[in-house]
C-alpha atoms as a PDB file:
ATOM      1  CA  MET A   1      45.547 113.839  73.491  1.00  0.00           C
ATOM      2  CA  THR A   2      43.613 116.721  74.374  1.00  0.00           C
ATOM      3  CA  LYS A   3      40.416 116.262  75.518  1.00  0.00           C
ATOM      4  CA  PRO A   4      37.679 118.722  74.232  1.00  0.00           C
ATOM      5  CA  ALA A   5      35.859 120.967  76.928  1.00  0.00           C
ATOM      6  CA  PRO A   6      32.388 119.714  77.807  1.00  0.00           C
ATOM      7  CA  ASP A   7      31.037 123.170  77.232  1.00  0.00           C
ATOM      8  CA  LEU A   8      32.338 123.411  73.579  1.00  0.00           C
ATOM      9  CA  LEU A   9      30.526 120.042  72.635  1.00  0.00           C
ATOM     10  CA  ASP A  10      27.532 121.293  74.433  1.00  0.00           C
ATOM     11  CA  THR A  11      28.024 124.562  72.195  1.00  0.00           C
ATOM     12  CA  LEU A  12      28.338 122.409  68.894  1.00  0.00           C
ATOM     13  CA  ARG A  13      25.212 120.173  69.469  1.00  0.00           C
ATOM     14  CA  SER A  14      22.930 122.996  70.428  1.00  0.00           C
ATOM     15  CA  LEU A  15      23.563 125.600  67.810  1.00  0.00           C
ATOM     16  CA  ARG A  16      20.441 126.377  65.770  1.00  0.00           C
ATOM     17  CA  GLN A  17      19.255 128.596  63.212  1.00  0.00           C
ATOM     18  CA  SER A  18      18.012 131.848  64.608  1.00  0.00           C
ATOM     19  CA  ARG A  19      15.270 133.461  62.216  1.00  0.00           C
ATOM     20  CA  ARG A  20      13.648 135.988  64.544  1.00  0.00           C
ATOM     21  CA  PHE A  21      15.749 138.699  66.077  1.00  0.00           C
ATOM     22  CA  LEU A  22      15.272 141.732  68.708  1.00  0.00           C
ATOM     23  CA  PRO A  23      15.931 145.127  67.519  1.00  0.00           C
ATOM     24  CA  THR A  24      19.170 145.666  69.483  1.00  0.00           C
ATOM     25  CA  PRO A  25      22.237 146.442  67.402  1.00  0.00           C
ATOM     26  CA  ILE A  26      25.181 144.245  67.478  1.00  0.00           C
ATOM     27  CA  ALA A  27      28.538 145.696  68.892  1.00  0.00           C
ATOM     28  CA  HIS A  28      31.180 146.559  66.359  1.00  0.00           C
ATOM     29  CA  GLU A  29      33.739 144.616  68.263  1.00  0.00           C
ATOM     30  CA  ASP A  30      31.590 141.510  68.306  1.00  0.00           C
ATOM     31  CA  LEU A  31      31.276 141.826  64.426  1.00  0.00           C
ATOM     32  CA  GLU A  32      35.486 142.206  64.213  1.00  0.00           C
ATOM     33  CA  GLN A  33      35.559 139.277  66.237  1.00  0.00           C
ATOM     34  CA  LEU A  34      33.360 137.192  64.215  1.00  0.00           C
ATOM     35  CA  LEU A  35      35.213 138.568  61.011  1.00  0.00           C
ATOM     36  CA  GLU A  36      38.312 137.551  62.609  1.00  0.00           C
ATOM     37  CA  VAL A  37      37.147 133.942  62.823  1.00  0.00           C
ATOM     38  CA  ALA A  38      36.141 133.790  59.449  1.00  0.00           C
ATOM     39  CA  ARG A  39      39.720 135.168  58.526  1.00  0.00           C
ATOM     40  CA  TRP A  40      40.956 132.176  60.120  1.00  0.00           C
ATOM     41  CA  THR A  41      38.451 129.522  58.509  1.00  0.00           C
ATOM     42  CA  GLY A  42      40.182 127.227  56.257  1.00  0.00           C
ATOM     43  CA  SER A  43      39.835 126.551  52.889  1.00  0.00           C
ATOM     44  CA  ALA A  44      40.942 124.299  50.130  1.00  0.00           C
ATOM     45  CA  LYS A  45      44.663 124.846  49.686  1.00  0.00           C
ATOM     46  CA  ASN A  46      44.288 127.639  51.590  1.00  0.00           C
ATOM     47  CA  THR A  47      42.780 129.865  48.631  1.00  0.00           C
ATOM     48  CA  GLN A  48      40.317 131.658  50.931  1.00  0.00           C
ATOM     49  CA  PRO A  49      37.953 132.365  48.042  1.00  0.00           C
ATOM     50  CA  TRP A  50      35.782 134.651  49.739  1.00  0.00           C
ATOM     51  CA  HIS A  51      34.943 138.376  50.093  1.00  0.00           C
ATOM     52  CA  LEU A  52      32.816 139.412  52.819  1.00  0.00           C
ATOM     53  CA  ILE A  53      30.410 142.573  53.172  1.00  0.00           C
ATOM     54  CA  VAL A  54      29.275 143.461  56.640  1.00  0.00           C
ATOM     55  CA  VAL A  55      25.734 144.823  56.422  1.00  0.00           C
ATOM     56  CA  THR A  56      24.190 146.877  59.213  1.00  0.00           C
ATOM     57  CA  GLU A  57      21.695 149.163  56.927  1.00  0.00           C
ATOM     58  CA  PRO A  58      18.184 147.933  57.673  1.00  0.00           C
ATOM     59  CA  GLU A  59      17.009 148.555  54.171  1.00  0.00           C
ATOM     60  CA  ALA A  60      19.899 146.703  52.426  1.00  0.00           C
ATOM     61  CA  ASN A  61      19.088 143.897  54.469  1.00  0.00           C
ATOM     62  CA  THR A  62      15.686 143.970  53.667  1.00  0.00           C
ATOM     63  CA  ALA A  63      16.465 144.168  50.156  1.00  0.00           C
ATOM     64  CA  LEU A  64      18.353 141.131  50.722  1.00  0.00           C
ATOM     65  CA  ALA A  65      15.445 139.420  52.148  1.00  0.00           C
ATOM     66  CA  GLY A  66      13.527 139.529  48.977  1.00  0.00           C
ATOM     67  CA  TYR A  67      16.450 137.948  46.786  1.00  0.00           C
ATOM     68  CA  GLY A  68      15.601 134.324  47.624  1.00  0.00           C
ATOM     69  CA  ASP A  69      13.441 131.534  48.495  1.00  0.00           C
ATOM     70  CA  PHE A  70      14.511 130.783  52.304  1.00  0.00           C
ATOM     71  CA  THR A  71      16.067 134.559  52.810  1.00  0.00           C
ATOM     72  CA  ASP A  72      13.183 136.387  54.230  1.00  0.00           C
ATOM     73  CA  PHE A  73      14.422 136.632  57.779  1.00  0.00           C
ATOM     74  CA  LEU A  74      16.998 138.904  56.977  1.00  0.00           C
ATOM     75  CA  ALA A  75      14.705 141.785  57.080  1.00  0.00           C
ATOM     76  CA  GLY A  76      14.820 141.415  60.698  1.00  0.00           C
ATOM     77  CA  VAL A  77      18.505 141.066  61.546  1.00  0.00           C
ATOM     78  CA  ALA A  78      20.785 143.331  63.016  1.00  0.00           C
ATOM     79  CA  ALA A  79      23.455 142.756  60.562  1.00  0.00           C
ATOM     80  CA  SER A  80      24.294 140.291  57.902  1.00  0.00           C
ATOM     81  CA  ILE A  81      27.274 139.133  56.623  1.00  0.00           C
ATOM     82  CA  VAL A  82      27.143 138.296  52.704  1.00  0.00           C
ATOM     83  CA  VAL A  83      29.801 135.707  51.536  1.00  0.00           C
ATOM     84  CA  ALA A  84      30.613 135.835  47.844  1.00  0.00           C
ATOM     85  CA  VAL A  85      33.410 133.348  46.530  1.00  0.00           C
ATOM     86  CA  GLU A  86      35.437 133.322  43.483  1.00  0.00           C
ATOM     87  CA  GLY A  87      35.759 130.349  41.357  1.00  0.00           C
ATOM     88  CA  GLU A  88      33.309 127.149  40.695  1.00  0.00           C
ATOM     89  CA  GLY A  89      32.724 123.806  41.914  1.00  0.00           C
ATOM     90  CA  ARG A  90      32.485 121.903  45.106  1.00  0.00           C
ATOM     91  CA  SER A  91      35.568 123.148  46.923  1.00  0.00           C
ATOM     92  CA  VAL A  92      33.918 126.486  46.731  1.00  0.00           C
ATOM     93  CA  ALA A  93      30.481 125.465  48.089  1.00  0.00           C
ATOM     94  CA  PHE A  94      32.494 123.215  50.688  1.00  0.00           C
ATOM     95  CA  ASP A  95      34.657 126.417  51.579  1.00  0.00           C
ATOM     96  CA  ASP A  96      31.564 128.850  51.797  1.00  0.00           C
ATOM     97  CA  GLY A  97      29.343 126.226  54.141  1.00  0.00           C
ATOM     98  CA  ARG A  98      32.594 125.758  56.139  1.00  0.00           C
ATOM     99  CA  LEU A  99      32.909 129.306  56.775  1.00  0.00           C
ATOM    100  CA  GLN A 100      29.190 129.870  57.421  1.00  0.00           C
ATOM    101  CA  GLU A 101      29.291 127.162  60.298  1.00  0.00           C
ATOM    102  CA  ARG A 102      32.492 128.674  61.715  1.00  0.00           C
ATOM    103  CA  VAL A 103      31.063 132.404  62.076  1.00  0.00           C
ATOM    104  CA  MET A 104      27.675 130.794  63.651  1.00  0.00           C
ATOM    105  CA  LEU A 105      29.733 129.054  66.087  1.00  0.00           C
ATOM    106  CA  ALA A 106      31.504 132.232  67.084  1.00  0.00           C
ATOM    107  CA  ALA A 107      28.458 134.056  67.281  1.00  0.00           C
ATOM    108  CA  ALA A 108      26.649 131.769  69.451  1.00  0.00           C
ATOM    109  CA  ALA A 109      30.089 131.667  71.928  1.00  0.00           C
ATOM    110  CA  ARG A 110      29.383 135.478  71.718  1.00  0.00           C
ATOM    111  CA  GLY A 111      25.944 135.317  72.643  1.00  0.00           C
ATOM    112  CA  ILE A 112      24.499 136.156  69.370  1.00  0.00           C
ATOM    113  CA  GLY A 113      21.980 134.392  67.272  1.00  0.00           C
ATOM    114  CA  SER A 114      22.655 133.711  63.539  1.00  0.00           C
ATOM    115  CA  GLY A 115      20.845 131.685  60.454  1.00  0.00           C
ATOM    116  CA  THR A 116      22.299 131.139  57.095  1.00  0.00           C
ATOM    117  CA  ALA A 117      20.553 132.314  53.881  1.00  0.00           C
ATOM    118  CA  TRP A 118      21.128 131.191  50.499  1.00  0.00           C
ATOM    119  CA  PHE A 119      20.844 133.300  47.099  1.00  0.00           C
ATOM    120  CA  SER A 120      20.374 130.030  45.197  1.00  0.00           C
ATOM    121  CA  SER A 121      19.454 131.342  41.409  1.00  0.00           C
ATOM    122  CA  GLY A 122      21.442 133.368  39.016  1.00  0.00           C
ATOM    123  CA  THR A 123      18.873 136.196  39.274  1.00  0.00           C
ATOM    124  CA  ALA A 124      19.347 136.623  42.782  1.00  0.00           C
ATOM    125  CA  ARG A 125      23.116 136.615  43.171  1.00  0.00           C
ATOM    126  CA  ARG A 126      22.895 139.345  40.116  1.00  0.00           C
ATOM    127  CA  LYS A 127      20.778 141.224  42.454  1.00  0.00           C
ATOM    128  CA  VAL A 128      22.934 140.886  45.382  1.00  0.00           C
ATOM    129  CA  ARG A 129      25.884 141.621  43.398  1.00  0.00           C
ATOM    130  CA  ASP A 130      24.548 144.852  42.030  1.00  0.00           C
ATOM    131  CA  LEU A 131      22.761 145.907  45.425  1.00  0.00           C
ATOM    132  CA  LEU A 132      26.342 145.397  47.289  1.00  0.00           C
ATOM    133  CA  GLY A 133      28.787 146.346  44.573  1.00  0.00           C
ATOM    134  CA  PHE A 134      30.299 142.977  44.494  1.00  0.00           C
ATOM    135  CA  PRO A 135      32.775 142.625  41.091  1.00  0.00           C
ATOM    136  CA  SER A 136      31.136 139.860  38.732  1.00  0.00           C
ATOM    137  CA  HIS A 137      34.045 137.420  39.082  1.00  0.00           C
ATOM    138  CA  MET A 138      32.674 137.073  42.735  1.00  0.00           C
ATOM    139  CA  GLU A 139      29.402 134.775  43.353  1.00  0.00           C
ATOM    140  CA  PRO A 140      27.295 135.789  46.447  1.00  0.00           C
ATOM    141  CA  TRP A 141      25.865 133.124  47.157  1.00  0.00           C
ATOM    142  CA  SER A 142      25.121 133.190  50.783  1.00  0.00           C
ATOM    143  CA  ALA A 143      24.386 135.756  53.695  1.00  0.00           C
ATOM    144  CA  ILE A 144      24.604 134.980  57.561  1.00  0.00           C
ATOM    145  CA  GLY A 145      21.872 136.888  59.331  1.00  0.00           C
ATOM    146  CA  LEU A 146      23.016 138.216  62.887  1.00  0.00           C
ATOM    147  CA  GLY A 147      21.205 139.175  65.845  1.00  0.00           C
ATOM    148  CA  HIS A 148      20.050 139.012  69.081  1.00  0.00           C
ATOM    149  CA  THR A 149      17.472 136.117  69.053  1.00  0.00           C
ATOM    150  CA  ASP A 150      13.916 136.909  70.116  1.00  0.00           C
ATOM    151  CA  THR A 151      13.003 133.772  72.303  1.00  0.00           C
ATOM    152  CA  SER A 152       9.239 135.554  72.910  1.00  0.00           C
ATOM    153  CA  GLN A 153       8.143 134.237  69.895  1.00  0.00           C
ATOM    154  CA  ALA A 154       9.948 130.795  70.326  1.00  0.00           C
ATOM    155  CA  GLN A 155       5.941 128.986  70.976  1.00  0.00           C
ATOM    156  CA  ALA A 156       5.255 130.182  67.344  1.00  0.00           C
ATOM    157  CA  SER A 157       8.159 128.326  65.791  1.00  0.00           C
ATOM    158  CA  PRO A 158       7.744 125.007  64.707  1.00  0.00           C
ATOM    159  CA  GLN A 159       9.145 122.194  67.176  1.00  0.00           C
ATOM    160  CA  LEU A 160      12.377 120.843  66.781  1.00  0.00           C
ATOM    161  CA  SER A 161      11.705 117.217  65.279  1.00  0.00           C
ATOM    162  CA  GLY A 162      15.127 115.907  67.258  1.00  0.00           C
ATOM    163  CA  ARG A 163      17.690 114.255  65.207  1.00  0.00           C
ATOM    164  CA  LYS A 164      18.140 110.855  64.394  1.00  0.00           C
ATOM    165  CA  ALA A 165      19.729 108.184  66.290  1.00  0.00           C
ATOM    166  CA  VAL A 166      23.445 107.613  65.801  1.00  0.00           C
ATOM    167  CA  GLU A 167      22.703 103.915  64.632  1.00  0.00           C
ATOM    168  CA  GLU A 168      20.502 105.460  61.734  1.00  0.00           C
ATOM    169  CA  ILE A 169      23.443 107.364  60.288  1.00  0.00           C
ATOM    170  CA  VAL A 170      26.883 105.675  61.173  1.00  0.00           C
ATOM    171  CA  SER A 171      28.099 102.685  59.891  1.00  0.00           C
ATOM    172  CA  TRP A 172      31.486 101.016  61.016  1.00  0.00           C
ATOM    173  CA  GLY A 173      34.042 100.253  58.467  1.00  0.00           C
ATOM    174  CA  ARG A 174      31.603  98.987  56.268  1.00  0.00           C
ATOM    175  CA  TYR A 175      27.881 100.122  55.155  1.00  0.00           C
ATOM    176  CA  GLY A 176      25.217  98.662  57.557  1.00  0.00           C
ATOM    177  CA  VAL A 177      27.786  97.413  60.288  1.00  0.00           C
ATOM    178  CA  VAL A 178      26.398  99.184  63.278  1.00  0.00           C
ATOM    179  CA  SER A 179      28.740  98.854  66.208  1.00  0.00           C
ATOM    180  CA  PRO A 180      32.580  99.198  65.893  1.00  0.00           C
ATOM    181  CA  SER A 181      32.912  95.327  67.064  1.00  0.00           C
ATOM    182  CA  GLY A 182      31.491  94.568  63.671  1.00  0.00           C
ATOM    183  CA  GLU A 183      27.708  93.019  65.019  1.00  0.00           C
END
């Protein structure tokens, strides 16, 4: 059995949403690498039900920032990748989330900050569809905002609350069993 590299596990544990970015552009090569990771992301029955639009124009990202309850930060990104999916149901939502997480991890590996934005209302998704020209059978549910994280404003951000202890979120074999030995 192959043992995972410790630095990969550190990356997985340390991934956080970025919502404040520097005005520095992201290299086209970096965007292409992130898109290649997206292309290889798994999906239910390998349907790959998504289409991605890379948005680098500040005006378009500023417009996207106004299309949801938690999308404001898109106004300050260097680029966003808007994810639209075909179909309905839980597998589509699962596939969308899976793609976002993969791209965010790939961005972190390249030294790029990222955050997810959700277009949760039908009105918001229609506005995104109209702005970016998605066909009517595609639902633009989310965007991945990308940029070089502005760490100078870290003190103004809310402090991370940490994580629950493993014992609070994990059972072994049956709910409420806190150790693999059944104790």
